Amino acid sequence: MERSFEDALNELEQIVGRLEAGDLPLEQSLEIFEQGIRLSRECRQRLTNVERRIEILTKEAGELTAKDLDLNEMRS
């Protein structure tokens, strides 16, 4: 089962917190950094897909009207 965007983002935030704490051995830091990069790419891809869907849904009179996304609203 694929994790939700919110779950992936929460996991990424936890990874950032662990890395910022700075109390991990180098190899473990590298492993979770790589995991964070994968999660970051996954989240970015999902946001890109959502943005495309929103652009399609907000098409007006044959013209595309792009609207800014508020990530805080997406988390609610």
PDB file of N, CA and C in Angstrom:
ATOM      1  N   MET A   1       0.846  -1.181   0.000  1.00  0.00           N
ATOM      2  CA  MET A   1       0.000   0.000   0.000  1.00  0.00           C
ATOM      3  C   MET A   1       0.896   1.250   0.000  1.00  0.00           C
ATOM      4  N   GLU A   2       0.547   2.179  -0.835  1.00  0.00           N
ATOM      5  CA  GLU A   2       1.329   3.410  -0.968  1.00  0.00           C
ATOM      6  C   GLU A   2       1.005   4.359   0.184  1.00  0.00           C
ATOM      7  N   ARG A   3       2.051   4.947   0.760  1.00  0.00           N
ATOM      8  CA  ARG A   3       1.828   5.878   1.874  1.00  0.00           C
ATOM      9  C   ARG A   3       1.259   7.185   1.337  1.00  0.00           C
ATOM     10  N   SER A   4       0.547   7.877   2.204  1.00  0.00           N
ATOM     11  CA  SER A   4      -0.056   9.150   1.813  1.00  0.00           C
ATOM     12  C   SER A   4       1.025  10.223   1.744  1.00  0.00           C
ATOM     13  N   PHE A   5       0.686  11.323   1.078  1.00  0.00           N
ATOM     14  CA  PHE A   5       1.594  12.460   1.006  1.00  0.00           C
ATOM     15  C   PHE A   5       1.913  12.945   2.415  1.00  0.00           C
ATOM     16  N   GLU A   6       0.895  13.033   3.256  1.00  0.00           N
ATOM     17  CA  GLU A   6       1.084  13.520   4.619  1.00  0.00           C
ATOM     18  C   GLU A   6       2.024  12.627   5.410  1.00  0.00           C
ATOM     19  N   ASP A   7       1.887  11.297   5.255  1.00  0.00           N
ATOM     20  CA  ASP A   7       2.780  10.370   5.944  1.00  0.00           C
ATOM     21  C   ASP A   7       4.217  10.535   5.462  1.00  0.00           C
ATOM     22  N   ALA A   8       4.395  10.676   4.158  1.00  0.00           N
ATOM     23  CA  ALA A   8       5.739  10.863   3.603  1.00  0.00           C
ATOM     24  C   ALA A   8       6.347  12.167   4.099  1.00  0.00           C
ATOM     25  N   LEU A   9       5.543  13.229   4.147  1.00  0.00           N
ATOM     26  CA  LEU A   9       6.034  14.519   4.618  1.00  0.00           C
ATOM     27  C   LEU A   9       6.396  14.461   6.105  1.00  0.00           C
ATOM     28  N   ASN A  10       5.571  13.794   6.905  1.00  0.00           N
ATOM     29  CA  ASN A  10       5.872  13.638   8.333  1.00  0.00           C
ATOM     30  C   ASN A  10       7.165  12.868   8.537  1.00  0.00           C
ATOM     31  N   GLU A  11       7.350  11.814   7.763  1.00  0.00           N
ATOM     32  CA  GLU A  11       8.585  11.027   7.858  1.00  0.00           C
ATOM     33  C   GLU A  11       9.794  11.881   7.469  1.00  0.00           C
ATOM     34  N   LEU A  12       9.637  12.676   6.436  1.00  0.00           N
ATOM     35  CA  LEU A  12      10.720  13.566   6.011  1.00  0.00           C
ATOM     36  C   LEU A  12      11.049  14.577   7.111  1.00  0.00           C
ATOM     37  N   GLU A  13      10.034  15.122   7.756  1.00  0.00           N
ATOM     38  CA  GLU A  13      10.261  16.065   8.849  1.00  0.00           C
ATOM     39  C   GLU A  13      10.998  15.400  10.014  1.00  0.00           C
ATOM     40  N   GLN A  14      10.677  14.141  10.301  1.00  0.00           N
ATOM     41  CA  GLN A  14      11.375  13.415  11.355  1.00  0.00           C
ATOM     42  C   GLN A  14      12.848  13.203  10.998  1.00  0.00           C
ATOM     43  N   ILE A  15      13.103  12.890   9.743  1.00  0.00           N
ATOM     44  CA  ILE A  15      14.479  12.702   9.288  1.00  0.00           C
ATOM     45  C   ILE A  15      15.269  13.993   9.430  1.00  0.00           C
ATOM     46  N   VAL A  16      14.668  15.095   9.019  1.00  0.00           N
ATOM     47  CA  VAL A  16      15.344  16.392   9.139  1.00  0.00           C
ATOM     48  C   VAL A  16      15.668  16.670  10.603  1.00  0.00           C
ATOM     49  N   GLY A  17      14.741  16.389  11.485  1.00  0.00           N
ATOM     50  CA  GLY A  17      14.974  16.599  12.906  1.00  0.00           C
ATOM     51  C   GLY A  17      16.123  15.761  13.438  1.00  0.00           C
ATOM     52  N   ARG A  18      16.187  14.504  13.017  1.00  0.00           N
ATOM     53  CA  ARG A  18      17.277  13.623  13.460  1.00  0.00           C
ATOM     54  C   ARG A  18      18.616  14.119  12.931  1.00  0.00           C
ATOM     55  N   LEU A  19      18.629  14.569  11.679  1.00  0.00           N
ATOM     56  CA  LEU A  19      19.885  15.070  11.112  1.00  0.00           C
ATOM     57  C   LEU A  19      20.304  16.369  11.782  1.00  0.00           C
ATOM     58  N   GLU A  20      19.351  17.228  12.065  1.00  0.00           N
ATOM     59  CA  GLU A  20      19.673  18.503  12.705  1.00  0.00           C
ATOM     60  C   GLU A  20      20.193  18.306  14.126  1.00  0.00           C
ATOM     61  N   ALA A  21      19.759  17.233  14.799  1.00  0.00           N
ATOM     62  CA  ALA A  21      20.227  16.959  16.151  1.00  0.00           C
ATOM     63  C   ALA A  21      21.732  16.686  16.164  1.00  0.00           C
ATOM     64  N   GLY A  22      22.235  16.090  15.080  1.00  0.00           N
ATOM     65  CA  GLY A  22      23.667  15.901  14.916  1.00  0.00           C
ATOM     66  C   GLY A  22      24.294  14.861  15.812  1.00  0.00           C
ATOM     67  N   ASP A  23      23.512  13.969  16.391  1.00  0.00           N
ATOM     68  CA  ASP A  23      24.083  12.981  17.306  1.00  0.00           C
ATOM     69  C   ASP A  23      24.159  11.574  16.713  1.00  0.00           C
ATOM     70  N   LEU A  24      24.078  11.465  15.399  1.00  0.00           N
ATOM     71  CA  LEU A  24      24.150  10.165  14.728  1.00  0.00           C
ATOM     72  C   LEU A  24      25.550   9.928  14.168  1.00  0.00           C
ATOM     73  N   PRO A  25      25.962   8.661  14.117  1.00  0.00           N
ATOM     74  CA  PRO A  25      27.227   8.347  13.449  1.00  0.00           C
ATOM     75  C   PRO A  25      27.139   8.708  11.967  1.00  0.00           C
ATOM     76  N   LEU A  26      28.269   8.945  11.373  1.00  0.00           N
ATOM     77  CA  LEU A  26      28.327   9.392   9.979  1.00  0.00           C
ATOM     78  C   LEU A  26      27.582   8.458   9.033  1.00  0.00           C
ATOM     79  N   GLU A  27      27.816   7.160   9.130  1.00  0.00           N
ATOM     80  CA  GLU A  27      27.163   6.214   8.205  1.00  0.00           C
ATOM     81  C   GLU A  27      25.645   6.230   8.362  1.00  0.00           C
ATOM     82  N   GLN A  28      25.174   6.306   9.585  1.00  0.00           N
ATOM     83  CA  GLN A  28      23.727   6.348   9.813  1.00  0.00           C
ATOM     84  C   GLN A  28      23.149   7.670   9.298  1.00  0.00           C
ATOM     85  N   SER A  29      23.876   8.747   9.496  1.00  0.00           N
ATOM     86  CA  SER A  29      23.438  10.041   8.968  1.00  0.00           C
ATOM     87  C   SER A  29      23.305   9.983   7.458  1.00  0.00           C
ATOM     88  N   LEU A  30      24.279   9.368   6.802  1.00  0.00           N
ATOM     89  CA  LEU A  30      24.238   9.251   5.343  1.00  0.00           C
ATOM     90  C   LEU A  30      23.047   8.417   4.894  1.00  0.00           C
ATOM     91  N   GLU A  31      22.773   7.322   5.600  1.00  0.00           N
ATOM     92  CA  GLU A  31      21.642   6.455   5.240  1.00  0.00           C
ATOM     93  C   GLU A  31      20.318   7.202   5.349  1.00  0.00           C
ATOM     94  N   ILE A  32      20.115   7.914   6.460  1.00  0.00           N
ATOM     95  CA  ILE A  32      18.830   8.601   6.591  1.00  0.00           C
ATOM     96  C   ILE A  32      18.768   9.842   5.702  1.00  0.00           C
ATOM     97  N   PHE A  33      19.918  10.430   5.378  1.00  0.00           N
ATOM     98  CA  PHE A  33      19.935  11.535   4.418  1.00  0.00           C
ATOM     99  C   PHE A  33      19.451  11.029   3.059  1.00  0.00           C
ATOM    100  N   GLU A  34      19.960   9.859   2.639  1.00  0.00           N
ATOM    101  CA  GLU A  34      19.528   9.268   1.362  1.00  0.00           C
ATOM    102  C   GLU A  34      18.037   8.966   1.384  1.00  0.00           C
ATOM    103  N   GLN A  35      17.542   8.466   2.511  1.00  0.00           N
ATOM    104  CA  GLN A  35      16.119   8.202   2.649  1.00  0.00           C
ATOM    105  C   GLN A  35      15.331   9.513   2.539  1.00  0.00           C
ATOM    106  N   GLY A  36      15.858  10.563   3.148  1.00  0.00           N
ATOM    107  CA  GLY A  36      15.214  11.867   3.068  1.00  0.00           C
ATOM    108  C   GLY A  36      15.157  12.399   1.645  1.00  0.00           C
ATOM    109  N   ILE A  37      16.222  12.187   0.894  1.00  0.00           N
ATOM    110  CA  ILE A  37      16.235  12.610  -0.519  1.00  0.00           C
ATOM    111  C   ILE A  37      15.150  11.873  -1.290  1.00  0.00           C
ATOM    112  N   ARG A  38      15.029  10.567  -1.061  1.00  0.00           N
ATOM    113  CA  ARG A  38      13.983   9.787  -1.754  1.00  0.00           C
ATOM    114  C   ARG A  38      12.587  10.306  -1.389  1.00  0.00           C
ATOM    115  N   LEU A  39      12.385  10.563  -0.104  1.00  0.00           N
ATOM    116  CA  LEU A  39      11.082  11.081   0.329  1.00  0.00           C
ATOM    117  C   LEU A  39      10.810  12.460  -0.261  1.00  0.00           C
ATOM    118  N   SER A  40      11.837  13.299  -0.302  1.00  0.00           N
ATOM    119  CA  SER A  40      11.693  14.632  -0.873  1.00  0.00           C
ATOM    120  C   SER A  40      11.274  14.545  -2.339  1.00  0.00           C
ATOM    121  N   ARG A  41      11.895  13.651  -3.070  1.00  0.00           N
ATOM    122  CA  ARG A  41      11.540  13.474  -4.492  1.00  0.00           C
ATOM    123  C   ARG A  41      10.123  12.941  -4.637  1.00  0.00           C
ATOM    124  N   GLU A  42       9.754  12.014  -3.767  1.00  0.00           N
ATOM    125  CA  GLU A  42       8.402  11.458  -3.800  1.00  0.00           C
ATOM    126  C   GLU A  42       7.370  12.556  -3.535  1.00  0.00           C
ATOM    127  N   CYS A  43       7.617  13.374  -2.523  1.00  0.00           N
ATOM    128  CA  CYS A  43       6.691  14.469  -2.197  1.00  0.00           C
ATOM    129  C   CYS A  43       6.624  15.479  -3.338  1.00  0.00           C
ATOM    130  N   ARG A  44       7.767  15.835  -3.907  1.00  0.00           N
ATOM    131  CA  ARG A  44       7.807  16.797  -5.015  1.00  0.00           C
ATOM    132  C   ARG A  44       7.013  16.266  -6.203  1.00  0.00           C
ATOM    133  N   GLN A  45       7.160  14.968  -6.510  1.00  0.00           N
ATOM    134  CA  GLN A  45       6.436  14.377  -7.638  1.00  0.00           C
ATOM    135  C   GLN A  45       4.927  14.411  -7.387  1.00  0.00           C
ATOM    136  N   ARG A  46       4.541  14.096  -6.180  1.00  0.00           N
ATOM    137  CA  ARG A  46       3.110  14.136  -5.863  1.00  0.00           C
ATOM    138  C   ARG A  46       2.558  15.547  -5.981  1.00  0.00           C
ATOM    139  N   LEU A  47       3.306  16.535  -5.483  1.00  0.00           N
ATOM    140  CA  LEU A  47       2.853  17.922  -5.600  1.00  0.00           C
ATOM    141  C   LEU A  47       2.763  18.354  -7.056  1.00  0.00           C
ATOM    142  N   THR A  48       3.709  17.932  -7.868  1.00  0.00           N
ATOM    143  CA  THR A  48       3.674  18.250  -9.293  1.00  0.00           C
ATOM    144  C   THR A  48       2.430  17.645  -9.935  1.00  0.00           C
ATOM    145  N   ASN A  49       2.120  16.408  -9.584  1.00  0.00           N
ATOM    146  CA  ASN A  49       0.932  15.752 -10.133  1.00  0.00           C
ATOM    147  C   ASN A  49      -0.343  16.462  -9.702  1.00  0.00           C
ATOM    148  N   VAL A  50      -0.401  16.868  -8.444  1.00  0.00           N
ATOM    149  CA  VAL A  50      -1.577  17.590  -7.944  1.00  0.00           C
ATOM    150  C   VAL A  50      -1.698  18.934  -8.660  1.00  0.00           C
ATOM    151  N   GLU A  51      -0.574  19.607  -8.828  1.00  0.00           N
ATOM    152  CA  GLU A  51      -0.591  20.899  -9.515  1.00  0.00           C
ATOM    153  C   GLU A  51      -1.130  20.743 -10.936  1.00  0.00           C
ATOM    154  N   ARG A  52      -0.726  19.699 -11.635  1.00  0.00           N
ATOM    155  CA  ARG A  52      -1.237  19.450 -12.996  1.00  0.00           C
ATOM    156  C   ARG A  52      -2.737  19.216 -12.980  1.00  0.00           C
ATOM    157  N   ARG A  53      -3.188  18.421 -12.017  1.00  0.00           N
ATOM    158  CA  ARG A  53      -4.626  18.149 -11.928  1.00  0.00           C
ATOM    159  C   ARG A  53      -5.402  19.433 -11.647  1.00  0.00           C
ATOM    160  N   ILE A  54      -4.880  20.270 -10.762  1.00  0.00           N
ATOM    161  CA  ILE A  54      -5.552  21.533 -10.442  1.00  0.00           C
ATOM    162  C   ILE A  54      -5.600  22.429 -11.674  1.00  0.00           C
ATOM    163  N   GLU A  55      -4.505  22.478 -12.437  1.00  0.00           N
ATOM    164  CA  GLU A  55      -4.497  23.297 -13.654  1.00  0.00           C
ATOM    165  C   GLU A  55      -5.548  22.817 -14.637  1.00  0.00           C
ATOM    166  N   ILE A  56      -5.693  21.518 -14.759  1.00  0.00           N
ATOM    167  CA  ILE A  56      -6.700  20.969 -15.668  1.00  0.00           C
ATOM    168  C   ILE A  56      -8.103  21.322 -15.177  1.00  0.00           C
ATOM    169  N   LEU A  57      -8.308  21.188 -13.876  1.00  0.00           N
ATOM    170  CA  LEU A  57      -9.631  21.452 -13.316  1.00  0.00           C
ATOM    171  C   LEU A  57     -10.008  22.930 -13.335  1.00  0.00           C
ATOM    172  N   THR A  58      -9.009  23.804 -13.362  1.00  0.00           N
ATOM    173  CA  THR A  58      -9.317  25.236 -13.352  1.00  0.00           C
ATOM    174  C   THR A  58      -9.268  25.851 -14.739  1.00  0.00           C
ATOM    175  N   LYS A  59      -9.269  25.022 -15.740  1.00  0.00           N
ATOM    176  CA  LYS A  59      -9.266  25.524 -17.111  1.00  0.00           C
ATOM    177  C   LYS A  59     -10.552  26.311 -17.349  1.00  0.00           C
ATOM    178  N   GLU A  60     -10.406  27.523 -17.812  1.00  0.00           N
ATOM    179  CA  GLU A  60     -11.571  28.379 -18.021  1.00  0.00           C
ATOM    180  C   GLU A  60     -11.564  28.921 -19.446  1.00  0.00           C
ATOM    181  N   ALA A  61     -12.668  28.725 -20.137  1.00  0.00           N
ATOM    182  CA  ALA A  61     -12.872  29.266 -21.485  1.00  0.00           C
ATOM    183  C   ALA A  61     -11.706  28.967 -22.410  1.00  0.00           C
ATOM    184  N   GLY A  62     -11.212  27.749 -22.330  1.00  0.00           N
ATOM    185  CA  GLY A  62     -10.130  27.354 -23.227  1.00  0.00           C
ATOM    186  C   GLY A  62      -8.763  27.857 -22.811  1.00  0.00           C
ATOM    187  N   GLU A  63      -8.685  28.663 -21.760  1.00  0.00           N
ATOM    188  CA  GLU A  63      -7.398  29.157 -21.289  1.00  0.00           C
ATOM    189  C   GLU A  63      -7.092  28.531 -19.942  1.00  0.00           C
ATOM    190  N   LEU A  64      -5.837  28.248 -19.735  1.00  0.00           N
ATOM    191  CA  LEU A  64      -5.417  27.660 -18.479  1.00  0.00           C
ATOM    192  C   LEU A  64      -5.160  28.758 -17.461  1.00  0.00           C
ATOM    193  N   THR A  65      -5.790  28.644 -16.330  1.00  0.00           N
ATOM    194  CA  THR A  65      -5.598  29.610 -15.265  1.00  0.00           C
ATOM    195  C   THR A  65      -4.877  28.913 -14.124  1.00  0.00           C
ATOM    196  N   ALA A  66      -3.589  29.154 -14.009  1.00  0.00           N
ATOM    197  CA  ALA A  66      -2.814  28.549 -12.935  1.00  0.00           C
ATOM    198  C   ALA A  66      -3.061  29.314 -11.648  1.00  0.00           C
ATOM    199  N   LYS A  67      -3.254  28.573 -10.582  1.00  0.00           N
ATOM    200  CA  LYS A  67      -3.482  29.192  -9.280  1.00  0.00           C
ATOM    201  C   LYS A  67      -2.383  28.725  -8.340  1.00  0.00           C
ATOM    202  N   ASP A  68      -1.927  29.632  -7.459  1.00  0.00           N
ATOM    203  CA  ASP A  68      -0.918  29.269  -6.485  1.00  0.00           C
ATOM    204  C   ASP A  68      -1.502  28.251  -5.519  1.00  0.00           C
ATOM    205  N   LEU A  69      -0.670  27.282  -5.151  1.00  0.00           N
ATOM    206  CA  LEU A  69      -1.084  26.271  -4.196  1.00  0.00           C
ATOM    207  C   LEU A  69      -0.650  26.687  -2.804  1.00  0.00           C
ATOM    208  N   ASP A  70      -1.549  26.502  -1.843  1.00  0.00           N
ATOM    209  CA  ASP A  70      -1.215  26.770  -0.447  1.00  0.00           C
ATOM    210  C   ASP A  70      -1.009  25.413   0.223  1.00  0.00           C
ATOM    211  N   LEU A  71       0.246  25.066   0.496  1.00  0.00           N
ATOM    212  CA  LEU A  71       0.564  23.765   1.067  1.00  0.00           C
ATOM    213  C   LEU A  71      -0.082  23.575   2.424  1.00  0.00           C
ATOM    214  N   ASN A  72      -0.277  24.636   3.174  1.00  0.00           N
ATOM    215  CA  ASN A  72      -0.925  24.514   4.473  1.00  0.00           C
ATOM    216  C   ASN A  72      -2.362  24.034   4.330  1.00  0.00           C
ATOM    217  N   GLU A  73      -3.041  24.461   3.280  1.00  0.00           N
ATOM    218  CA  GLU A  73      -4.399  24.022   3.032  1.00  0.00           C
ATOM    219  C   GLU A  73      -4.413  22.546   2.661  1.00  0.00           C
ATOM    220  N   MET A  74      -3.370  22.081   1.947  1.00  0.00           N
ATOM    221  CA  MET A  74      -3.308  20.686   1.533  1.00  0.00           C
ATOM    222  C   MET A  74      -3.119  19.773   2.727  1.00  0.00           C
ATOM    223  N   ARG A  75      -2.480  20.234   3.781  1.00  0.00           N
ATOM    224  CA  ARG A  75      -2.245  19.415   4.956  1.00  0.00           C
ATOM    225  C   ARG A  75      -3.484  19.268   5.812  1.00  0.00           C
ATOM    226  N   SER A  76      -4.433  20.160   5.646  1.00  0.00           N
ATOM    227  CA  SER A  76      -5.653  20.144   6.495  1.00  0.00           C
ATOM    228  C   SER A  76      -6.555  19.001   6.108  1.00  0.00           C
TER     229      SER A  76
END
